[in-house]
C-alpha atoms as a PDB file:
ATOM      1  CA  UNK A   1    -176.506  76.519-112.533  1.00  0.00           C
ATOM      2  CA  UNK A   2    -175.486  79.598-111.257  1.00  0.00           C
ATOM      3  CA  UNK A   3    -171.759  80.532-111.853  1.00  0.00           C
ATOM      4  CA  UNK A   4    -170.331  83.596-109.923  1.00  0.00           C
ATOM      5  CA  UNK A   5    -166.383  85.371-110.515  1.00  0.00           C
ATOM      6  CA  UNK A   6    -164.257  86.286-107.362  1.00  0.00           C
ATOM      7  CA  UNK A   7    -163.021  89.714-107.392  1.00  0.00           C
ATOM      8  CA  UNK A   8    -159.439  90.109-107.583  1.00  0.00           C
ATOM      9  CA  UNK A   9    -159.398  92.528-104.287  1.00  0.00           C
ATOM     10  CA  UNK A  10    -160.846  89.824-102.399  1.00  0.00           C
ATOM     11  CA  UNK A  11    -158.704  87.297-103.560  1.00  0.00           C
ATOM     12  CA  UNK A  12    -155.408  89.663-102.173  1.00  0.00           C
ATOM     13  CA  UNK A  13    -157.388  89.035 -98.831  1.00  0.00           C
ATOM     14  CA  UNK A  14    -157.170  85.416 -98.094  1.00  0.00           C
ATOM     15  CA  UNK A  15    -155.711  83.989 -95.139  1.00  0.00           C
ATOM     16  CA  UNK A  16    -152.423  81.776 -95.272  1.00  0.00           C
ATOM     17  CA  UNK A  17    -153.447  78.698 -93.306  1.00  0.00           C
ATOM     18  CA  UNK A  18    -151.110  76.334 -92.398  1.00  0.00           C
ATOM     19  CA  UNK A  19    -151.705  72.490 -92.476  1.00  0.00           C
ATOM     20  CA  UNK A  20    -152.224  70.927 -89.130  1.00  0.00           C
ATOM     21  CA  UNK A  21    -152.998  67.318 -89.269  1.00  0.00           C
ATOM     22  CA  UNK A  22    -154.739  65.729 -86.243  1.00  0.00           C
ATOM     23  CA  UNK A  23    -154.917  62.159 -85.772  1.00  0.00           C
ATOM     24  CA  UNK A  24    -154.341  59.246 -83.701  1.00  0.00           C
ATOM     25  CA  UNK A  25    -151.554  57.801 -85.879  1.00  0.00           C
ATOM     26  CA  UNK A  26    -148.134  59.569 -86.239  1.00  0.00           C
ATOM     27  CA  UNK A  27    -146.913  62.012 -88.440  1.00  0.00           C
ATOM     28  CA  UNK A  28    -146.104  59.783 -91.085  1.00  0.00           C
ATOM     29  CA  UNK A  29    -149.791  58.299 -91.391  1.00  0.00           C
ATOM     30  CA  UNK A  30    -150.701  61.959 -92.226  1.00  0.00           C
ATOM     31  CA  UNK A  31    -148.729  61.474 -95.430  1.00  0.00           C
ATOM     32  CA  UNK A  32    -150.862  58.226 -96.617  1.00  0.00           C
ATOM     33  CA  UNK A  33    -153.722  60.188 -97.624  1.00  0.00           C
ATOM     34  CA  UNK A  34    -156.761  59.808-100.193  1.00  0.00           C
ATOM     35  CA  UNK A  35    -156.076  62.174-103.244  1.00  0.00           C
ATOM     36  CA  UNK A  36    -158.297  60.506-105.284  1.00  0.00           C
ATOM     37  CA  UNK A  37    -161.468  61.400-103.206  1.00  0.00           C
ATOM     38  CA  UNK A  38    -162.012  64.858-105.116  1.00  0.00           C
ATOM     39  CA  UNK A  39    -161.707  64.877-108.906  1.00  0.00           C
ATOM     40  CA  UNK A  40    -159.346  67.683-109.741  1.00  0.00           C
ATOM     41  CA  UNK A  41    -160.178  68.128-113.170  1.00  0.00           C
ATOM     42  CA  UNK A  42    -160.390  72.052-114.276  1.00  0.00           C
ATOM     43  CA  UNK A  43    -162.739  71.511-117.095  1.00  0.00           C
ATOM     44  CA  UNK A  44    -166.383  71.303-116.909  1.00  0.00           C
ATOM     45  CA  UNK A  45    -166.613  69.604-120.109  1.00  0.00           C
ATOM     46  CA  UNK A  46    -164.550  66.660-118.525  1.00  0.00           C
ATOM     47  CA  UNK A  47    -166.569  66.748-115.313  1.00  0.00           C
ATOM     48  CA  UNK A  48    -169.352  66.268-117.440  1.00  0.00           C
ATOM     49  CA  UNK A  49    -168.009  63.222-119.102  1.00  0.00           C
ATOM     50  CA  UNK A  50    -166.917  61.563-116.221  1.00  0.00           C
ATOM     51  CA  UNK A  51    -170.218  62.139-114.288  1.00  0.00           C
ATOM     52  CA  UNK A  52    -169.117  63.881-111.565  1.00  0.00           C
ATOM     53  CA  UNK A  53    -171.511  65.782-108.773  1.00  0.00           C
ATOM     54  CA  UNK A  54    -170.365  69.380-108.920  1.00  0.00           C
ATOM     55  CA  UNK A  55    -173.294  69.849-106.225  1.00  0.00           C
ATOM     56  CA  UNK A  56    -173.494  68.352-102.704  1.00  0.00           C
ATOM     57  CA  UNK A  57    -176.708  68.620-100.033  1.00  0.00           C
ATOM     58  CA  UNK A  58    -176.456  67.242 -96.113  1.00  0.00           C
ATOM     59  CA  UNK A  59    -179.430  67.936 -93.706  1.00  0.00           C
ATOM     60  CA  UNK A  60    -178.580  67.322 -90.261  1.00  0.00           C
ATOM     61  CA  UNK A  61    -181.080  68.365 -87.043  1.00  0.00           C
ATOM     62  CA  UNK A  62    -181.763  71.874 -87.404  1.00  0.00           C
ATOM     63  CA  UNK A  63    -178.641  72.014 -89.759  1.00  0.00           C
ATOM     64  CA  UNK A  64    -178.682  72.012 -93.627  1.00  0.00           C
ATOM     65  CA  UNK A  65    -176.189  72.800 -96.199  1.00  0.00           C
ATOM     66  CA  UNK A  66    -175.701  72.820 -99.737  1.00  0.00           C
ATOM     67  CA  UNK A  67    -172.154  73.055-102.109  1.00  0.00           C
ATOM     68  CA  UNK A  68    -171.794  74.117-105.202  1.00  0.00           C
ATOM     69  CA  UNK A  69    -168.509  73.746-107.448  1.00  0.00           C
ATOM     70  CA  UNK A  70    -166.802  77.216-107.925  1.00  0.00           C
ATOM     71  CA  UNK A  71    -166.190  78.126-111.291  1.00  0.00           C
ATOM     72  CA  UNK A  72    -164.308  80.753-113.527  1.00  0.00           C
ATOM     73  CA  UNK A  73    -165.432  80.639-117.245  1.00  0.00           C
ATOM     74  CA  UNK A  74    -165.303  76.721-118.481  1.00  0.00           C
ATOM     75  CA  UNK A  75    -162.935  75.665-115.678  1.00  0.00           C
ATOM     76  CA  UNK A  76    -163.429  74.490-111.710  1.00  0.00           C
ATOM     77  CA  UNK A  77    -161.447  75.588-108.554  1.00  0.00           C
ATOM     78  CA  UNK A  78    -160.935  73.147-106.386  1.00  0.00           C
ATOM     79  CA  UNK A  79    -159.322  75.641-103.685  1.00  0.00           C
ATOM     80  CA  UNK A  80    -163.051  77.397-103.586  1.00  0.00           C
ATOM     81  CA  UNK A  81    -166.385  76.414-103.071  1.00  0.00           C
ATOM     82  CA  UNK A  82    -169.933  77.858-102.665  1.00  0.00           C
ATOM     83  CA  UNK A  83    -171.811  76.937 -99.288  1.00  0.00           C
ATOM     84  CA  UNK A  84    -175.929  77.751 -99.215  1.00  0.00           C
ATOM     85  CA  UNK A  85    -177.212  77.509 -95.345  1.00  0.00           C
ATOM     86  CA  UNK A  86    -180.413  76.276 -96.032  1.00  0.00           C
ATOM     87  CA  UNK A  87    -181.722  75.747 -92.857  1.00  0.00           C
ATOM     88  CA  UNK A  88    -180.226  76.989 -89.337  1.00  0.00           C
ATOM     89  CA  UNK A  89    -180.762  76.187 -85.758  1.00  0.00           C
ATOM     90  CA  UNK A  90    -183.547  78.499 -83.691  1.00  0.00           C
ATOM     91  CA  UNK A  91    -180.546  79.929 -81.613  1.00  0.00           C
ATOM     92  CA  UNK A  92    -178.782  81.470 -84.194  1.00  0.00           C
ATOM     93  CA  UNK A  93    -180.911  84.456 -84.500  1.00  0.00           C
ATOM     94  CA  UNK A  94    -180.376  85.121 -80.737  1.00  0.00           C
ATOM     95  CA  UNK A  95    -177.077  85.646 -80.940  1.00  0.00           C
ATOM     96  CA  UNK A  96    -176.200  82.521 -78.683  1.00  0.00           C
ATOM     97  CA  UNK A  97    -174.379  80.407 -81.389  1.00  0.00           C
ATOM     98  CA  UNK A  98    -172.167  81.071 -84.401  1.00  0.00           C
ATOM     99  CA  UNK A  99    -170.849  78.503 -87.158  1.00  0.00           C
ATOM    100  CA  UNK A 100    -167.445  77.812 -88.693  1.00  0.00           C
ATOM    101  CA  UNK A 101    -166.247  75.822 -91.370  1.00  0.00           C
ATOM    102  CA  UNK A 102    -163.480  73.005 -91.311  1.00  0.00           C
ATOM    103  CA  UNK A 103    -162.241  70.579 -93.517  1.00  0.00           C
ATOM    104  CA  UNK A 104    -160.845  66.638 -93.341  1.00  0.00           C
ATOM    105  CA  UNK A 105    -159.548  64.192 -95.201  1.00  0.00           C
ATOM    106  CA  UNK A 106    -159.587  60.438 -94.754  1.00  0.00           C
ATOM    107  CA  UNK A 107    -157.053  57.919 -95.975  1.00  0.00           C
ATOM    108  CA  UNK A 108    -157.892  54.284 -97.203  1.00  0.00           C
ATOM    109  CA  UNK A 109    -157.234  52.292 -94.024  1.00  0.00           C
ATOM    110  CA  UNK A 110    -159.893  54.793 -92.447  1.00  0.00           C
ATOM    111  CA  UNK A 111    -157.649  57.257 -90.402  1.00  0.00           C
ATOM    112  CA  UNK A 112    -159.048  60.940 -90.572  1.00  0.00           C
ATOM    113  CA  UNK A 113    -157.251  64.159 -90.510  1.00  0.00           C
ATOM    114  CA  UNK A 114    -158.659  67.425 -89.601  1.00  0.00           C
ATOM    115  CA  UNK A 115    -156.988  70.654 -90.409  1.00  0.00           C
ATOM    116  CA  UNK A 116    -157.229  72.509 -87.200  1.00  0.00           C
ATOM    117  CA  UNK A 117    -157.406  75.600 -89.178  1.00  0.00           C
ATOM    118  CA  UNK A 118    -160.862  76.895 -89.680  1.00  0.00           C
ATOM    119  CA  UNK A 119    -161.639  77.958 -93.279  1.00  0.00           C
ATOM    120  CA  UNK A 120    -161.803  81.207 -94.624  1.00  0.00           C
ATOM    121  CA  UNK A 121    -165.267  82.333 -96.013  1.00  0.00           C
ATOM    122  CA  UNK A 122    -166.829  85.664 -97.226  1.00  0.00           C
ATOM    123  CA  UNK A 123    -170.518  86.126 -97.631  1.00  0.00           C
ATOM    124  CA  UNK A 124    -171.668  87.104-101.197  1.00  0.00           C
ATOM    125  CA  UNK A 125    -174.944  88.510-102.202  1.00  0.00           C
ATOM    126  CA  UNK A 126    -176.693  86.780-105.450  1.00  0.00           C
ATOM    127  CA  UNK A 127    -178.478  90.087-106.288  1.00  0.00           C
ATOM    128  CA  UNK A 128    -176.257  92.251-106.479  1.00  0.00           C
ATOM    129  CA  UNK A 129    -173.575  90.107-107.174  1.00  0.00           C
ATOM    130  CA  UNK A 130    -171.240  91.713-104.695  1.00  0.00           C
ATOM    131  CA  UNK A 131    -169.385  90.302-101.500  1.00  0.00           C
ATOM    132  CA  UNK A 132    -170.620  91.764 -98.611  1.00  0.00           C
ATOM    133  CA  UNK A 133    -168.256  90.962 -96.078  1.00  0.00           C
ATOM    134  CA  UNK A 134    -164.313  90.670 -95.465  1.00  0.00           C
ATOM    135  CA  UNK A 135    -162.719  86.846 -95.208  1.00  0.00           C
ATOM    136  CA  UNK A 136    -163.383  85.394 -91.646  1.00  0.00           C
ATOM    137  CA  UNK A 137    -163.405  82.341 -89.637  1.00  0.00           C
ATOM    138  CA  UNK A 138    -167.368  82.600 -87.861  1.00  0.00           C
ATOM    139  CA  UNK A 139    -170.203  83.525 -89.390  1.00  0.00           C
ATOM    140  CA  UNK A 140    -172.420  85.477 -86.234  1.00  0.00           C
ATOM    141  CA  UNK A 141    -175.905  86.748 -86.637  1.00  0.00           C
ATOM    142  CA  UNK A 142    -174.616  89.744 -83.982  1.00  0.00           C
ATOM    143  CA  UNK A 143    -172.233  90.596 -87.031  1.00  0.00           C
ATOM    144  CA  UNK A 144    -174.365  90.631 -89.806  1.00  0.00           C
ATOM    145  CA  UNK A 145    -178.100  91.395 -88.525  1.00  0.00           C
ATOM    146  CA  UNK A 146    -178.004  95.464 -89.045  1.00  0.00           C
ATOM    147  CA  UNK A 147    -176.517  94.396 -92.364  1.00  0.00           C
ATOM    148  CA  UNK A 148    -179.492  91.857 -93.792  1.00  0.00           C
ATOM    149  CA  UNK A 149    -182.135  94.012 -91.459  1.00  0.00           C
ATOM    150  CA  UNK A 150    -180.804  97.417 -94.211  1.00  0.00           C
ATOM    151  CA  UNK A 151    -181.200  94.339 -96.960  1.00  0.00           C
ATOM    152  CA  UNK A 152    -185.067  93.947 -95.904  1.00  0.00           C
ATOM    153  CA  UNK A 153    -184.380  90.555 -93.891  1.00  0.00           C
ATOM    154  CA  UNK A 154    -185.118  90.145 -89.943  1.00  0.00           C
ATOM    155  CA  UNK A 155    -184.557  86.457 -89.996  1.00  0.00           C
ATOM    156  CA  UNK A 156    -181.228  84.374 -90.859  1.00  0.00           C
ATOM    157  CA  UNK A 157    -183.261  81.960 -93.056  1.00  0.00           C
ATOM    158  CA  UNK A 158    -184.535  84.954 -95.313  1.00  0.00           C
ATOM    159  CA  UNK A 159    -180.821  86.434 -95.183  1.00  0.00           C
ATOM    160  CA  UNK A 160    -178.985  83.136 -96.368  1.00  0.00           C
ATOM    161  CA  UNK A 161    -181.827  82.572 -98.834  1.00  0.00           C
ATOM    162  CA  UNK A 162    -180.301  85.388-100.870  1.00  0.00           C
ATOM    163  CA  UNK A 163    -176.519  85.078 -99.527  1.00  0.00           C
ATOM    164  CA  UNK A 164    -174.340  82.510-100.027  1.00  0.00           C
ATOM    165  CA  UNK A 165    -170.838  81.825 -98.325  1.00  0.00           C
ATOM    166  CA  UNK A 166    -167.585  81.036-100.428  1.00  0.00           C
ATOM    167  CA  UNK A 167    -165.469  78.789 -98.429  1.00  0.00           C
ATOM    168  CA  UNK A 168    -161.885  79.215 -99.189  1.00  0.00           C
ATOM    169  CA  UNK A 169    -160.270  75.504 -98.716  1.00  0.00           C
ATOM    170  CA  UNK A 170    -156.625  76.477 -99.713  1.00  0.00           C
ATOM    171  CA  UNK A 171    -156.475  72.961-101.702  1.00  0.00           C
ATOM    172  CA  UNK A 172    -155.901  73.357-105.290  1.00  0.00           C
ATOM    173  CA  UNK A 173    -155.447  69.431-105.424  1.00  0.00           C
ATOM    174  CA  UNK A 174    -157.965  68.120-104.045  1.00  0.00           C
ATOM    175  CA  UNK A 175    -156.606  66.430-101.208  1.00  0.00           C
ATOM    176  CA  UNK A 176    -159.341  67.203 -98.718  1.00  0.00           C
ATOM    177  CA  UNK A 177    -162.301  65.388 -98.945  1.00  0.00           C
ATOM    178  CA  UNK A 178    -165.073  66.699 -96.535  1.00  0.00           C
ATOM    179  CA  UNK A 179    -166.553  70.206 -95.316  1.00  0.00           C
ATOM    180  CA  UNK A 180    -167.603  70.486 -91.666  1.00  0.00           C
ATOM    181  CA  UNK A 181    -169.987  72.964 -90.806  1.00  0.00           C
ATOM    182  CA  UNK A 182    -170.155  73.344 -87.042  1.00  0.00           C
ATOM    183  CA  UNK A 183    -172.196  75.280 -84.699  1.00  0.00           C
ATOM    184  CA  UNK A 184    -170.804  76.905 -81.284  1.00  0.00           C
ATOM    185  CA  UNK A 185    -172.205  78.042 -78.040  1.00  0.00           C
ATOM    186  CA  UNK A 186    -171.179  81.893 -78.138  1.00  0.00           C
ATOM    187  CA  UNK A 187    -170.405  81.505 -74.704  1.00  0.00           C
ATOM    188  CA  UNK A 188    -168.769  78.236 -74.313  1.00  0.00           C
ATOM    189  CA  UNK A 189    -167.199  77.913 -77.619  1.00  0.00           C
ATOM    190  CA  UNK A 190    -167.734  74.337 -77.814  1.00  0.00           C
ATOM    191  CA  UNK A 191    -169.669  72.677 -80.884  1.00  0.00           C
ATOM    192  CA  UNK A 192    -173.310  71.771 -80.304  1.00  0.00           C
ATOM    193  CA  UNK A 193    -174.299  70.713 -83.865  1.00  0.00           C
ATOM    194  CA  UNK A 194    -172.403  69.805 -87.014  1.00  0.00           C
ATOM    195  CA  UNK A 195    -172.897  68.064 -90.265  1.00  0.00           C
ATOM    196  CA  UNK A 196    -170.517  66.993 -92.798  1.00  0.00           C
ATOM    197  CA  UNK A 197    -170.418  66.349 -96.560  1.00  0.00           C
ATOM    198  CA  UNK A 198    -168.371  65.681 -99.514  1.00  0.00           C
ATOM    199  CA  UNK A 199    -166.560  68.229-101.377  1.00  0.00           C
ATOM    200  CA  UNK A 200    -167.134  68.569-105.202  1.00  0.00           C
ATOM    201  CA  UNK A 201    -166.071  67.404-107.365  1.00  0.00           C
ATOM    202  CA  UNK A 202    -166.506  63.648-106.891  1.00  0.00           C
ATOM    203  CA  UNK A 203    -168.327  60.662-108.791  1.00  0.00           C
ATOM    204  CA  UNK A 204    -171.687  61.063-108.623  1.00  0.00           C
ATOM    205  CA  UNK A 205    -172.414  57.305-108.733  1.00  0.00           C
ATOM    206  CA  UNK A 206    -171.756  55.699-105.309  1.00  0.00           C
ATOM    207  CA  UNK A 207    -170.444  52.462-106.628  1.00  0.00           C
ATOM    208  CA  UNK A 208    -167.887  54.470-108.688  1.00  0.00           C
ATOM    209  CA  UNK A 209    -166.931  56.786-105.474  1.00  0.00           C
ATOM    210  CA  UNK A 210    -166.524  53.082-103.710  1.00  0.00           C
ATOM    211  CA  UNK A 211    -163.290  52.483-105.023  1.00  0.00           C
ATOM    212  CA  UNK A 212    -160.166  55.110-105.265  1.00  0.00           C
ATOM    213  CA  UNK A 213    -158.778  55.224-108.956  1.00  0.00           C
ATOM    214  CA  UNK A 214    -155.605  53.017-107.497  1.00  0.00           C
ATOM    215  CA  UNK A 215    -158.481  50.355-107.127  1.00  0.00           C
ATOM    216  CA  UNK A 216    -157.893  50.368-103.633  1.00  0.00           C
ATOM    217  CA  UNK A 217    -161.511  50.405-101.360  1.00  0.00           C
ATOM    218  CA  UNK A 218    -162.567  53.961-100.020  1.00  0.00           C
ATOM    219  CA  UNK A 219    -162.662  54.393 -96.791  1.00  0.00           C
ATOM    220  CA  UNK A 220    -165.964  53.576 -95.258  1.00  0.00           C
ATOM    221  CA  UNK A 221    -166.272  56.772 -93.327  1.00  0.00           C
ATOM    222  CA  UNK A 222    -166.123  58.529 -96.838  1.00  0.00           C
ATOM    223  CA  UNK A 223    -168.432  55.967 -98.572  1.00  0.00           C
ATOM    224  CA  UNK A 224    -171.398  56.916 -95.840  1.00  0.00           C
ATOM    225  CA  UNK A 225    -171.072  60.466 -96.713  1.00  0.00           C
ATOM    226  CA  UNK A 226    -171.850  59.879-100.374  1.00  0.00           C
ATOM    227  CA  UNK A 227    -175.342  61.673-100.923  1.00  0.00           C
ATOM    228  CA  UNK A 228    -176.516  58.582-102.997  1.00  0.00           C
ATOM    229  CA  UNK A 229    -174.694  55.757-100.874  1.00  0.00           C
ATOM    230  CA  UNK A 230    -178.432  54.504 -99.561  1.00  0.00           C
ATOM    231  CA  UNK A 231    -178.969  54.282-103.164  1.00  0.00           C
ATOM    232  CA  UNK A 232    -175.770  52.135-104.570  1.00  0.00           C
ATOM    233  CA  UNK A 233    -178.007  48.862-105.154  1.00  0.00           C
ATOM    234  CA  UNK A 234    -180.959  51.080-107.411  1.00  0.00           C
ATOM    235  CA  UNK A 235    -179.370  50.396-110.539  1.00  0.00           C
ATOM    236  CA  UNK A 236    -179.256  54.178-111.856  1.00  0.00           C
ATOM    237  CA  UNK A 237    -176.661  55.053-114.688  1.00  0.00           C
ATOM    238  CA  UNK A 238    -174.066  57.251-113.688  1.00  0.00           C
ATOM    239  CA  UNK A 239    -175.517  59.829-115.784  1.00  0.00           C
ATOM    240  CA  UNK A 240    -178.546  59.781-113.435  1.00  0.00           C
ATOM    241  CA  UNK A 241    -177.001  60.113-110.131  1.00  0.00           C
ATOM    242  CA  UNK A 242    -175.198  63.398-111.692  1.00  0.00           C
ATOM    243  CA  UNK A 243    -178.626  64.371-112.808  1.00  0.00           C
ATOM    244  CA  UNK A 244    -179.490  63.913-108.944  1.00  0.00           C
ATOM    245  CA  UNK A 245    -176.521  65.889-107.782  1.00  0.00           C
ATOM    246  CA  UNK A 246    -177.267  68.597-110.319  1.00  0.00           C
ATOM    247  CA  UNK A 247    -180.611  68.951-108.323  1.00  0.00           C
ATOM    248  CA  UNK A 248    -178.492  70.428-105.316  1.00  0.00           C
ATOM    249  CA  UNK A 249    -176.938  73.322-107.277  1.00  0.00           C
ATOM    250  CA  UNK A 250    -178.261  76.782-106.456  1.00  0.00           C
END
C-alpha cells in the first residue's frame, strides 16, 4: 500500500469548517451520533490486529471512487483520507459538471446528519509526490485541464490515473461515517449524480460491522454501504475480508 506525507505548508491552508448537522429531528438528536462506526485507531499494527478495512471502493453510474486511509509513519490519521476518482461522467471533460465531496453520519436509529460544509480537497501528484493545487471545495476540469495537458494528459480519466485527492475531513475522532462524492451541473449547481461509501477505518467483516461496540445494531443505512454487505453469509473470516479490502488500496 502506498503512503504519502502531508507538507506542513499545506497543513496551514486547512479551512476551518463549522459543523452544521441537517436532520428532520431536533438539535438534540444530533448529539446521539454513532461514534463507533469508524475505528479511531492510530496504529497500523492495531488496525491489522482488529481486521479493519483501510481501503474502500464504490461504483455508481459513470462515477466510481476508491478511498485509502491516510498514514504518517506507522500511524493513521482519521481527519484525512486519500480519494481516487476511478470513473467519471462523460460531461466532466466538457466542463458542464464539477465534483464536490461531503461527509455524513447516522446514529443507531437511522437518523442521518449531513455536514453542510463541503469537504476541502487538494490534488496530489503520485509521481512527483507533490501537491499541485491549493485547498478547494470543488474539482472542475476547466480549472485543471491546462495543468493536466502540461503533464501529458488530455482526458480526466488518464489524469486521475496519476493524480489523487486528499480530503480534509476535520474529524480526528472518526465521528463521521460516510464520504459522499457528488457531481453537479455547472450551470444550475444542482446535483446530478453521487456515490456514498464508508470512510476507513471500519471493521472489514460486515457481520462485525453490523453491531456497534456498545452492542447496539448499527443503522441499516450504514450496514448496506459496507463493501461486503452482500457477502455476510459466505463464511469468510475477518482476515479474508480484510484481505479483500486491501485490494482496493492504491
